[in-house]
Amino acid sequence: MTEIAVIIVAAGRGERAAVSGLMDPKQYRLVAGKPVLTRSIEAFLKKGMVVLPVIHKDHVARYTALGLSHPALLPPVIGSDTRQGSVRAGLRALRTRAPALVLIHDAARPLVSAEVIDQVVRALQVHPAALPVLAVTDTIKRSANGHSVSGTEDRKTLFAAQTPQGFVFAAIAEAHERAAGLADEFTDDAAIAEWAGLEVAMTEGDIRNLKITHPDDFARAERLLTGDGTMETRVGSGFDVHPFEDGTAVWLGGVEIPHSHKLKGHSDADVALHALTDALYGALGEGDIGHHFPPSDPQWKGARSTIFLKDAADGVARRGGRIVNLDVTIVCELPRVNPHVPAMKAVIASVCGISPDRIAIKATTSEELGFTGRREGIVAMASASIELPRT
């Protein structure tokens, strides 16, 4: 599998984004209750990529205070006084790892979507470099003196660049080293690739993928994340049941629980995750788990149900939304579920990219009534609340 590393450029002081005299660096300020840098890092960890933050030498304590921990999150490296120097420091730190591809992303773009990331990665299958862009819709004027108009640009040929910008690692690392001695600073990594003679493909950007630069940008990002007229709430429900068969453990909520039987099903028969997956698909209006992962397909035989849940959660992200909360009720006489609830919440939180406090898992019995009361199987019911951009 091709390894993709991501350099998150977070070494700036963020002074232009200062508000009311507060000089707290923008990458460490909260947006909708979470630090900007945390949101940017998590966007790529959710994609299974290796992430390397590049931070300012004076911000080590601030970064540590974020409390970030993930097997794919590398220790941060110290950046430079310039963006170009900071990226170069990140590329040098990745030399021994030598990933096939590298994405370079501005920490100040915390709303980057999975689809924007995916399109850049797909373009790198056939191009040495790629970046997401938006077509310029305003008329652009040119001025030679900064006071009067000297010409008008053809906006059909103009595009606004975003990040992440993606590259074949070896090619961009070499280009950055060649450019290290130049007096002129390049404004982005695609410019260095162009200077080095690399073909740079354009992919579709996203208007939500804004770069937080000025104080008002925080309010705009907050509105995009919390709704405030731009988002709508969707609610979905899920229900699933699986019978017992001979075995030694059951999978519930992504956790293997020792038991006298196992649950019967084509996959691991995790009834809780199946109900939860259906709830998310329902909120999206995208059918059910059987539609996306047919039980007739042999590739899903014995598969872990976290695969299904991740696909549904990624579907929310692909559409620019967020998961607000998840609620699961498990009905069975045995095994005892409550001791395993913290572990279940941890698994679901990791798969869905949300905080465990947005997840509720309850367990109850049917008072020995019906098939669950006879200990013939387990039932799970779930609901999911999400927010999606209004259409």
Protein backbone atom coordinates (compact mmCIF):
# COMPACT_ATOMS: atom_id res chain seq x y z
CA MET A 1 0.00 0.00 0.00
CA THR A 2 1.34 3.42 -0.98
CA GLU A 3 2.26 5.45 2.09
CA ILE A 4 1.07 9.04 2.12
CA ALA A 5 2.58 11.50 4.56
CA VAL A 6 1.07 14.87 5.36
CA ILE A 7 3.01 17.93 6.48
CA ILE A 8 0.81 20.32 8.45
CA VAL A 9 2.42 23.76 8.30
CA ALA A 10 1.73 25.39 11.68
CA ALA A 11 4.88 27.39 12.37
CA GLY A 12 3.44 30.87 11.86
CA ARG A 13 2.59 33.37 14.57
CA GLY A 14 -0.87 34.08 13.14
CA GLU A 15 -0.68 37.79 13.92
CA ARG A 16 -3.12 38.91 11.22
CA ALA A 17 -5.84 36.85 12.90
CA ALA A 18 -5.41 38.55 16.28
CA VAL A 19 -8.67 39.71 17.84
CA SER A 20 -9.06 42.61 20.31
CA GLY A 21 -5.39 42.62 21.15
CA LEU A 22 -5.24 38.87 21.77
CA MET A 23 -2.10 37.54 20.11
CA ASP A 24 -2.89 33.86 20.62
CA PRO A 25 -1.68 32.09 17.43
CA LYS A 26 -4.61 31.32 15.19
CA GLN A 27 -3.74 27.63 14.86
CA TYR A 28 -4.29 27.16 18.61
CA ARG A 29 -7.51 29.14 18.91
CA LEU A 30 -10.82 27.33 19.20
CA VAL A 31 -13.34 27.04 16.38
CA ALA A 32 -16.61 25.40 17.41
CA GLY A 33 -14.96 24.16 20.59
CA LYS A 34 -11.84 22.61 19.06
CA PRO A 35 -8.41 24.10 18.21
CA VAL A 36 -7.85 24.96 14.55
CA LEU A 37 -4.68 22.84 14.41
CA THR A 38 -6.42 19.84 15.96
CA ARG A 39 -9.14 19.97 13.30
CA SER A 40 -6.56 20.14 10.49
CA ILE A 41 -4.55 17.22 11.86
CA GLU A 42 -7.62 15.04 12.47
CA ALA A 43 -8.86 15.55 8.91
CA PHE A 44 -5.87 13.58 7.62
CA LEU A 45 -5.63 11.04 10.44
CA LYS A 46 -9.20 10.03 9.52
CA LYS A 47 -7.89 9.22 6.04
CA GLY A 48 -5.28 6.82 7.46
CA MET A 49 -2.35 9.06 6.55
CA VAL A 50 0.87 9.71 8.48
CA VAL A 51 0.82 13.27 9.79
CA LEU A 52 3.84 15.45 10.64
CA PRO A 53 3.12 18.86 12.22
CA VAL A 54 5.69 21.64 11.76
CA ILE A 55 5.39 24.12 14.61
CA HIS A 56 7.03 27.33 15.85
CA LYS A 57 9.88 26.95 18.35
CA ASP A 58 7.94 29.05 20.86
CA HIS A 59 4.79 26.93 20.59
CA VAL A 60 6.02 23.56 21.89
CA ALA A 61 4.05 23.87 25.13
CA ARG A 62 0.93 24.99 23.25
CA TYR A 63 1.16 22.00 20.93
CA THR A 64 1.70 19.60 23.82
CA ALA A 65 -1.37 21.04 25.55
CA LEU A 66 -3.52 19.90 22.62
CA GLY A 67 -3.14 16.37 23.99
CA LEU A 68 -3.04 14.75 20.57
CA SER A 69 -2.14 11.07 20.43
CA HIS A 70 -2.40 8.71 17.47
CA PRO A 71 -0.15 5.96 16.07
CA ALA A 72 0.06 7.82 12.74
CA LEU A 73 0.82 11.21 14.30
CA LEU A 74 4.57 11.87 14.25
CA PRO A 75 6.33 14.09 16.81
CA PRO A 76 6.32 17.71 15.62
CA VAL A 77 9.39 19.33 14.10
CA ILE A 78 10.42 22.95 14.52
CA GLY A 79 9.82 25.17 11.54
CA SER A 80 11.46 28.28 10.16
CA ASP A 81 10.69 31.99 9.99
CA THR A 82 9.32 31.42 6.48
CA ARG A 83 6.73 29.02 5.17
CA GLN A 84 9.18 27.71 2.58
CA GLY A 85 11.74 26.95 5.28
CA SER A 86 9.14 25.25 7.46
CA VAL A 87 8.04 22.95 4.66
CA ARG A 88 11.65 22.15 3.90
CA ALA A 89 12.17 21.19 7.56
CA GLY A 90 9.20 18.85 7.32
CA LEU A 91 10.45 17.26 4.12
CA ARG A 92 13.88 16.71 5.64
CA ALA A 93 12.30 15.08 8.70
CA LEU A 94 10.54 12.60 6.38
CA ARG A 95 13.70 11.60 4.50
CA THR A 96 14.28 8.35 6.38
CA ARG A 97 10.62 7.41 6.07
CA ALA A 98 10.61 8.31 2.35
CA PRO A 99 6.85 8.09 1.70
CA ALA A 100 5.78 7.68 -1.91
CA LEU A 101 3.54 10.75 -1.76
CA VAL A 102 3.40 13.82 0.45
CA LEU A 103 0.58 16.30 1.00
CA ILE A 104 1.38 19.77 2.33
CA HIS A 105 -1.45 21.51 4.14
CA ASP A 106 -1.90 24.85 5.87
CA ALA A 107 -2.90 24.39 9.51
CA ALA A 108 -5.16 27.42 9.06
CA ARG A 109 -7.50 25.43 6.77
CA PRO A 110 -9.38 23.36 9.40
CA LEU A 111 -12.45 22.66 7.27
CA VAL A 112 -10.74 20.63 4.54
CA SER A 113 -13.03 17.85 3.38
CA ALA A 114 -12.32 14.19 2.67
CA GLU A 115 -13.37 14.71 -0.95
CA VAL A 116 -10.83 17.51 -1.52
CA ILE A 117 -8.11 15.26 -0.06
CA ASP A 118 -9.21 12.26 -2.13
CA GLN A 119 -9.18 14.21 -5.39
CA VAL A 120 -5.61 15.39 -4.82
CA VAL A 121 -4.48 11.84 -4.05
CA ARG A 122 -6.22 10.48 -7.15
CA ALA A 123 -4.51 13.09 -9.32
CA LEU A 124 -1.12 11.99 -7.97
CA GLN A 125 -1.63 8.57 -9.49
CA VAL A 126 -0.88 10.13 -12.89
CA HIS A 127 0.76 13.49 -12.14
CA PRO A 128 3.84 14.43 -10.07
CA ALA A 129 2.00 17.31 -8.39
CA ALA A 130 -1.59 18.41 -7.77
CA LEU A 131 -3.48 21.14 -5.96
CA PRO A 132 -7.14 21.99 -5.36
CA VAL A 133 -8.32 25.25 -6.90
CA LEU A 134 -11.41 27.42 -7.17
CA ALA A 135 -12.23 29.38 -10.30
CA VAL A 136 -11.94 33.14 -9.77
CA THR A 137 -15.38 34.73 -10.13
CA ASP A 138 -14.50 38.37 -9.41
CA THR A 139 -13.07 40.63 -12.08
CA ILE A 140 -9.37 41.02 -11.32
CA LYS A 141 -7.66 44.36 -11.95
CA ARG A 142 -3.93 44.90 -12.35
CA SER A 143 -2.13 47.99 -11.05
CA ALA A 144 1.47 48.99 -11.65
CA ASN A 145 1.58 51.59 -8.87
CA GLY A 146 -1.05 50.40 -6.41
CA HIS A 147 -3.21 53.49 -6.98
CA SER A 148 -4.65 53.26 -10.49
CA VAL A 149 -5.74 50.46 -12.79
CA SER A 150 -3.30 49.49 -15.51
CA GLY A 151 -5.14 46.48 -16.89
CA THR A 152 -7.77 43.76 -16.45
CA GLU A 153 -6.93 40.08 -16.16
CA ASP A 154 -8.80 37.37 -18.03
CA ARG A 155 -10.51 35.66 -15.12
CA LYS A 156 -11.23 32.55 -17.20
CA THR A 157 -7.55 31.71 -16.84
CA LEU A 158 -7.30 32.51 -13.12
CA PHE A 159 -7.75 30.09 -10.22
CA ALA A 160 -7.34 30.45 -6.45
CA ALA A 161 -5.07 27.79 -4.96
CA GLN A 162 -5.92 25.88 -1.80
CA THR A 163 -4.26 23.13 0.21
CA PRO A 164 -3.51 20.28 0.62
CA GLN A 165 -1.11 20.39 -2.28
CA GLY A 166 0.18 16.95 -3.18
CA PHE A 167 3.44 15.73 -4.65
CA VAL A 168 5.59 12.74 -5.38
CA PHE A 169 7.80 12.95 -2.31
CA ALA A 170 11.19 12.56 -3.98
CA ALA A 171 10.37 15.19 -6.62
CA ILE A 172 9.17 17.93 -4.27
CA ALA A 173 11.92 17.23 -1.73
CA GLU A 174 14.55 17.73 -4.43
CA ALA A 175 12.81 20.86 -5.73
CA HIS A 176 12.71 22.39 -2.24
CA GLU A 177 16.42 21.74 -1.72
CA ARG A 178 17.24 23.34 -5.07
CA ALA A 179 15.12 26.36 -4.17
CA ALA A 180 16.64 26.76 -0.69
CA GLY A 181 19.30 29.23 -1.78
CA LEU A 182 17.03 31.54 -3.78
CA ALA A 183 16.39 35.01 -2.42
CA ASP A 184 12.75 35.16 -3.56
CA GLU A 185 10.23 33.37 -1.38
CA PHE A 186 7.70 31.17 -3.13
CA THR A 187 4.14 31.68 -1.90
CA ASP A 188 3.20 28.01 -2.03
CA ASP A 189 4.69 24.60 -2.80
CA ALA A 190 3.01 24.35 -6.19
CA ALA A 191 5.03 27.42 -7.21
CA ILE A 192 8.23 25.58 -6.33
CA ALA A 193 7.04 22.57 -8.33
CA GLU A 194 6.32 24.82 -11.31
CA TRP A 195 9.75 26.43 -11.01
CA ALA A 196 11.33 22.96 -10.92
CA GLY A 197 9.54 21.97 -14.13
CA LEU A 198 6.99 19.61 -12.60
CA GLU A 199 3.54 19.38 -14.15
CA VAL A 200 0.97 20.51 -11.58
CA ALA A 201 -2.53 19.14 -12.06
CA MET A 202 -5.56 21.05 -10.80
CA THR A 203 -8.35 19.38 -8.83
CA GLU A 204 -11.63 20.76 -7.58
CA GLY A 205 -11.39 22.90 -4.47
CA ASP A 206 -14.10 23.64 -1.95
CA ILE A 207 -15.47 27.03 -0.94
CA ARG A 208 -15.71 25.72 2.64
CA ASN A 209 -11.97 25.02 2.65
CA LEU A 210 -11.27 28.57 3.77
CA LYS A 211 -7.95 29.77 5.15
CA ILE A 212 -8.28 31.54 8.48
CA THR A 213 -6.30 34.74 8.02
CA HIS A 214 -8.29 37.62 9.51
CA PRO A 215 -10.45 37.88 12.66
CA ASP A 216 -13.71 37.64 10.71
CA ASP A 217 -12.62 34.28 9.31
CA PHE A 218 -13.09 32.68 12.73
CA ALA A 219 -16.75 33.69 12.76
CA ARG A 220 -17.24 32.36 9.25
CA ALA A 221 -15.61 29.02 10.11
CA GLU A 222 -17.73 28.82 13.26
CA ARG A 223 -20.91 29.31 11.24
CA LEU A 224 -19.90 26.63 8.77
CA LEU A 225 -19.21 24.14 11.56
CA THR A 226 -22.15 24.88 13.84
CA GLY A 227 -24.85 25.61 11.32
CA ASP A 228 -26.24 29.05 12.08
CA GLY A 229 -28.42 29.06 9.00
CA THR A 230 -26.02 27.27 6.67
CA MET A 231 -26.49 23.73 8.01
CA GLU A 232 -29.51 21.54 8.56
CA THR A 233 -29.96 18.75 11.08
CA ARG A 234 -30.68 15.22 9.89
CA VAL A 235 -31.68 12.27 12.11
CA GLY A 236 -31.51 8.60 11.16
CA SER A 237 -32.42 5.39 12.95
CA GLY A 238 -31.12 1.85 12.72
CA PHE A 239 -32.26 -1.57 13.90
CA ASP A 240 -30.53 -4.92 13.71
CA VAL A 241 -30.82 -8.41 15.16
CA HIS A 242 -28.55 -11.44 15.03
CA PRO A 243 -29.07 -14.92 16.50
CA PHE A 244 -26.51 -16.83 18.54
CA GLU A 245 -24.57 -19.84 17.29
CA ASP A 246 -21.78 -21.94 18.74
CA GLY A 247 -18.69 -19.89 19.54
CA THR A 248 -16.56 -18.35 22.26
CA ALA A 249 -17.09 -14.60 21.93
CA VAL A 250 -19.36 -11.93 20.47
CA TRP A 251 -18.41 -8.68 18.75
CA LEU A 252 -20.37 -5.72 20.12
CA GLY A 253 -19.59 -2.08 19.46
CA GLY A 254 -16.26 -3.04 17.92
CA VAL A 255 -15.18 -4.92 21.05
CA GLU A 256 -14.73 -8.69 21.35
CA ILE A 257 -16.50 -9.96 24.48
CA PRO A 258 -15.93 -13.53 25.72
CA HIS A 259 -19.19 -15.50 25.78
CA SER A 260 -20.59 -19.00 25.49
CA HIS A 261 -21.79 -18.24 21.94
CA LYS A 262 -21.06 -15.93 19.03
CA LEU A 263 -23.43 -13.98 16.83
CA LYS A 264 -24.34 -15.50 13.46
CA GLY A 265 -23.84 -13.35 10.38
CA HIS A 266 -21.96 -12.89 7.12
CA SER A 267 -19.52 -10.39 8.67
CA ASP A 268 -18.54 -10.35 12.35
CA ALA A 269 -22.28 -9.86 13.08
CA ASP A 270 -21.65 -6.83 15.31
CA VAL A 271 -25.28 -5.99 15.84
CA ALA A 272 -24.52 -2.67 17.57
CA LEU A 273 -22.30 -1.31 14.79
CA HIS A 274 -24.74 -2.56 12.15
CA ALA A 275 -27.59 -0.60 13.75
CA LEU A 276 -25.37 2.46 14.11
CA THR A 277 -24.19 2.24 10.50
CA ASP A 278 -27.80 2.07 9.30
CA ALA A 279 -28.64 5.10 11.43
CA LEU A 280 -25.91 7.14 9.73
CA TYR A 281 -26.90 5.97 6.26
CA GLY A 282 -30.48 6.85 7.14
CA ALA A 283 -29.54 10.36 8.18
CA LEU A 284 -27.71 10.73 4.88
CA GLY A 285 -30.66 9.31 2.94
CA GLU A 286 -28.35 6.70 1.41
CA GLY A 287 -30.09 3.37 1.98
CA ASP A 288 -28.86 0.76 4.41
CA ILE A 289 -25.84 -1.38 5.14
CA GLY A 290 -27.03 -4.17 2.85
CA HIS A 291 -27.09 -1.76 -0.08
CA HIS A 292 -23.49 -0.66 0.46
CA PHE A 293 -22.08 -4.01 1.65
CA PRO A 294 -24.28 -6.83 0.27
CA PRO A 295 -24.13 -10.04 2.35
CA SER A 296 -23.98 -11.91 -0.96
CA ASP A 297 -20.53 -10.42 -1.61
CA PRO A 298 -17.86 -12.86 -0.37
CA GLN A 299 -15.33 -10.10 0.31
CA TRP A 300 -17.31 -9.09 3.41
CA LYS A 301 -17.41 -12.58 4.90
CA GLY A 302 -16.03 -12.31 8.43
CA ALA A 303 -15.24 -8.60 7.92
CA ARG A 304 -15.02 -6.30 10.91
CA SER A 305 -18.06 -4.06 11.08
CA THR A 306 -15.87 -1.04 11.79
CA ILE A 307 -15.30 -1.03 8.01
CA PHE A 308 -19.01 -0.43 7.44
CA LEU A 309 -19.28 2.22 10.15
CA LYS A 310 -16.27 4.11 8.79
CA ASP A 311 -17.80 4.20 5.31
CA ALA A 312 -21.00 5.73 6.70
CA ALA A 313 -19.07 8.25 8.82
CA ASP A 314 -16.87 9.17 5.86
CA GLY A 315 -20.07 9.75 3.89
CA VAL A 316 -20.98 12.53 6.31
CA ALA A 317 -17.56 14.12 5.89
CA ARG A 318 -17.66 13.80 2.09
CA ARG A 319 -20.81 15.89 2.05
CA GLY A 320 -19.27 18.59 4.23
CA GLY A 321 -21.22 17.62 7.33
CA ARG A 322 -20.49 16.52 10.86
CA ILE A 323 -21.77 13.92 13.29
CA VAL A 324 -23.51 15.59 16.23
CA ASN A 325 -24.24 12.54 18.38
CA LEU A 326 -24.77 8.79 18.22
CA ASP A 327 -27.04 6.72 20.48
CA VAL A 328 -27.14 2.91 20.73
CA THR A 329 -29.30 0.60 22.82
CA ILE A 330 -28.34 -3.08 23.09
CA VAL A 331 -30.94 -5.61 24.26
CA CYS A 332 -29.77 -8.98 25.60
CA GLU A 333 -29.72 -11.09 28.75
CA LEU A 334 -26.08 -12.03 28.34
CA PRO A 335 -23.25 -11.17 27.91
CA ARG A 336 -23.04 -8.25 30.32
CA VAL A 337 -22.47 -5.17 28.21
CA ASN A 338 -21.96 -2.30 30.67
CA PRO A 339 -18.37 -3.19 31.67
CA HIS A 340 -17.37 -2.86 28.01
CA VAL A 341 -19.13 0.45 27.24
CA PRO A 342 -16.02 2.67 27.65
CA ALA A 343 -14.07 0.48 25.21
CA MET A 344 -16.98 0.51 22.74
CA LYS A 345 -17.22 4.30 22.89
CA ALA A 346 -13.49 4.58 22.28
CA VAL A 347 -13.70 2.38 19.17
CA ILE A 348 -16.72 4.20 17.74
CA ALA A 349 -15.19 7.61 18.48
CA SER A 350 -11.98 6.65 16.70
CA VAL A 351 -13.78 5.26 13.65
CA CYS A 352 -16.14 8.22 13.32
CA GLY A 353 -13.63 10.92 14.23
CA ILE A 354 -15.72 12.38 17.05
CA SER A 355 -15.35 12.80 20.79
CA PRO A 356 -16.54 9.90 23.00
CA ASP A 357 -18.83 12.33 24.83
CA ARG A 358 -20.95 12.48 21.66
CA ILE A 359 -21.71 8.76 21.94
CA ALA A 360 -24.24 7.06 24.22
CA ILE A 361 -24.37 3.27 24.65
CA LYS A 362 -27.02 1.71 26.85
CA ALA A 363 -27.69 -1.92 27.62
CA THR A 364 -30.90 -3.49 28.88
CA THR A 365 -32.64 -6.85 29.04
CA SER A 366 -36.09 -7.85 27.82
CA GLU A 367 -37.00 -9.20 31.25
CA GLU A 368 -36.65 -12.75 29.90
CA LEU A 369 -39.43 -12.16 27.35
CA GLY A 370 -39.19 -13.09 23.67
CA PHE A 371 -36.19 -14.48 21.80
CA THR A 372 -33.75 -12.17 23.58
CA GLY A 373 -35.22 -13.29 26.89
CA ARG A 374 -34.65 -16.89 25.83
CA ARG A 375 -31.04 -15.93 25.08
CA GLU A 376 -31.36 -16.77 21.41
CA GLY A 377 -29.83 -13.56 20.08
CA ILE A 378 -29.20 -9.83 20.50
CA VAL A 379 -31.08 -6.75 19.28
CA ALA A 380 -29.62 -3.28 18.82
CA MET A 381 -31.34 0.01 18.07
CA ALA A 382 -29.51 3.20 17.18
CA SER A 383 -30.05 6.82 16.22
CA ALA A 384 -27.69 9.29 14.62
CA SER A 385 -27.93 13.07 14.48
CA ILE A 386 -25.84 14.82 11.85
CA GLU A 387 -25.55 18.25 10.27
CA LEU A 388 -25.23 18.73 6.53
CA PRO A 389 -24.92 21.90 4.43
CA ARG A 390 -28.27 23.17 3.22
CA THR A 391 -28.92 22.48 -0.45
